[in-house]
Amino acid sequence: MAAMEELSPASGPVSTQPPEDEIDDDEDEDMDETLAERLWGLTEMFPDTVRTAADASVQCSVSLFKKFYSP
């Protein structure tokens, strides 16, 4: 019956974080990555056909935008 009392809401919240002396500071070092580097890394998860189609779509959109808004 003691195990049931440990899981009851009356026993209070359970801490899920490690003690401060065990927290690893390596997570902060990963934040040196720029947005461009992060986006470039995401491209590797898509097949070449998807990347090629996206590139063509962006280039076409930029070209049309320039044609419509050029003097």
Foldseek 3Di string as FASTA:
>chain_A
DVVVVCPDCVVDDDDDDDPPVPDDPVVVVVVVDDPVRVVVVVVVVDDPVVVVVVVVVVVVVVVVVCVVPPD
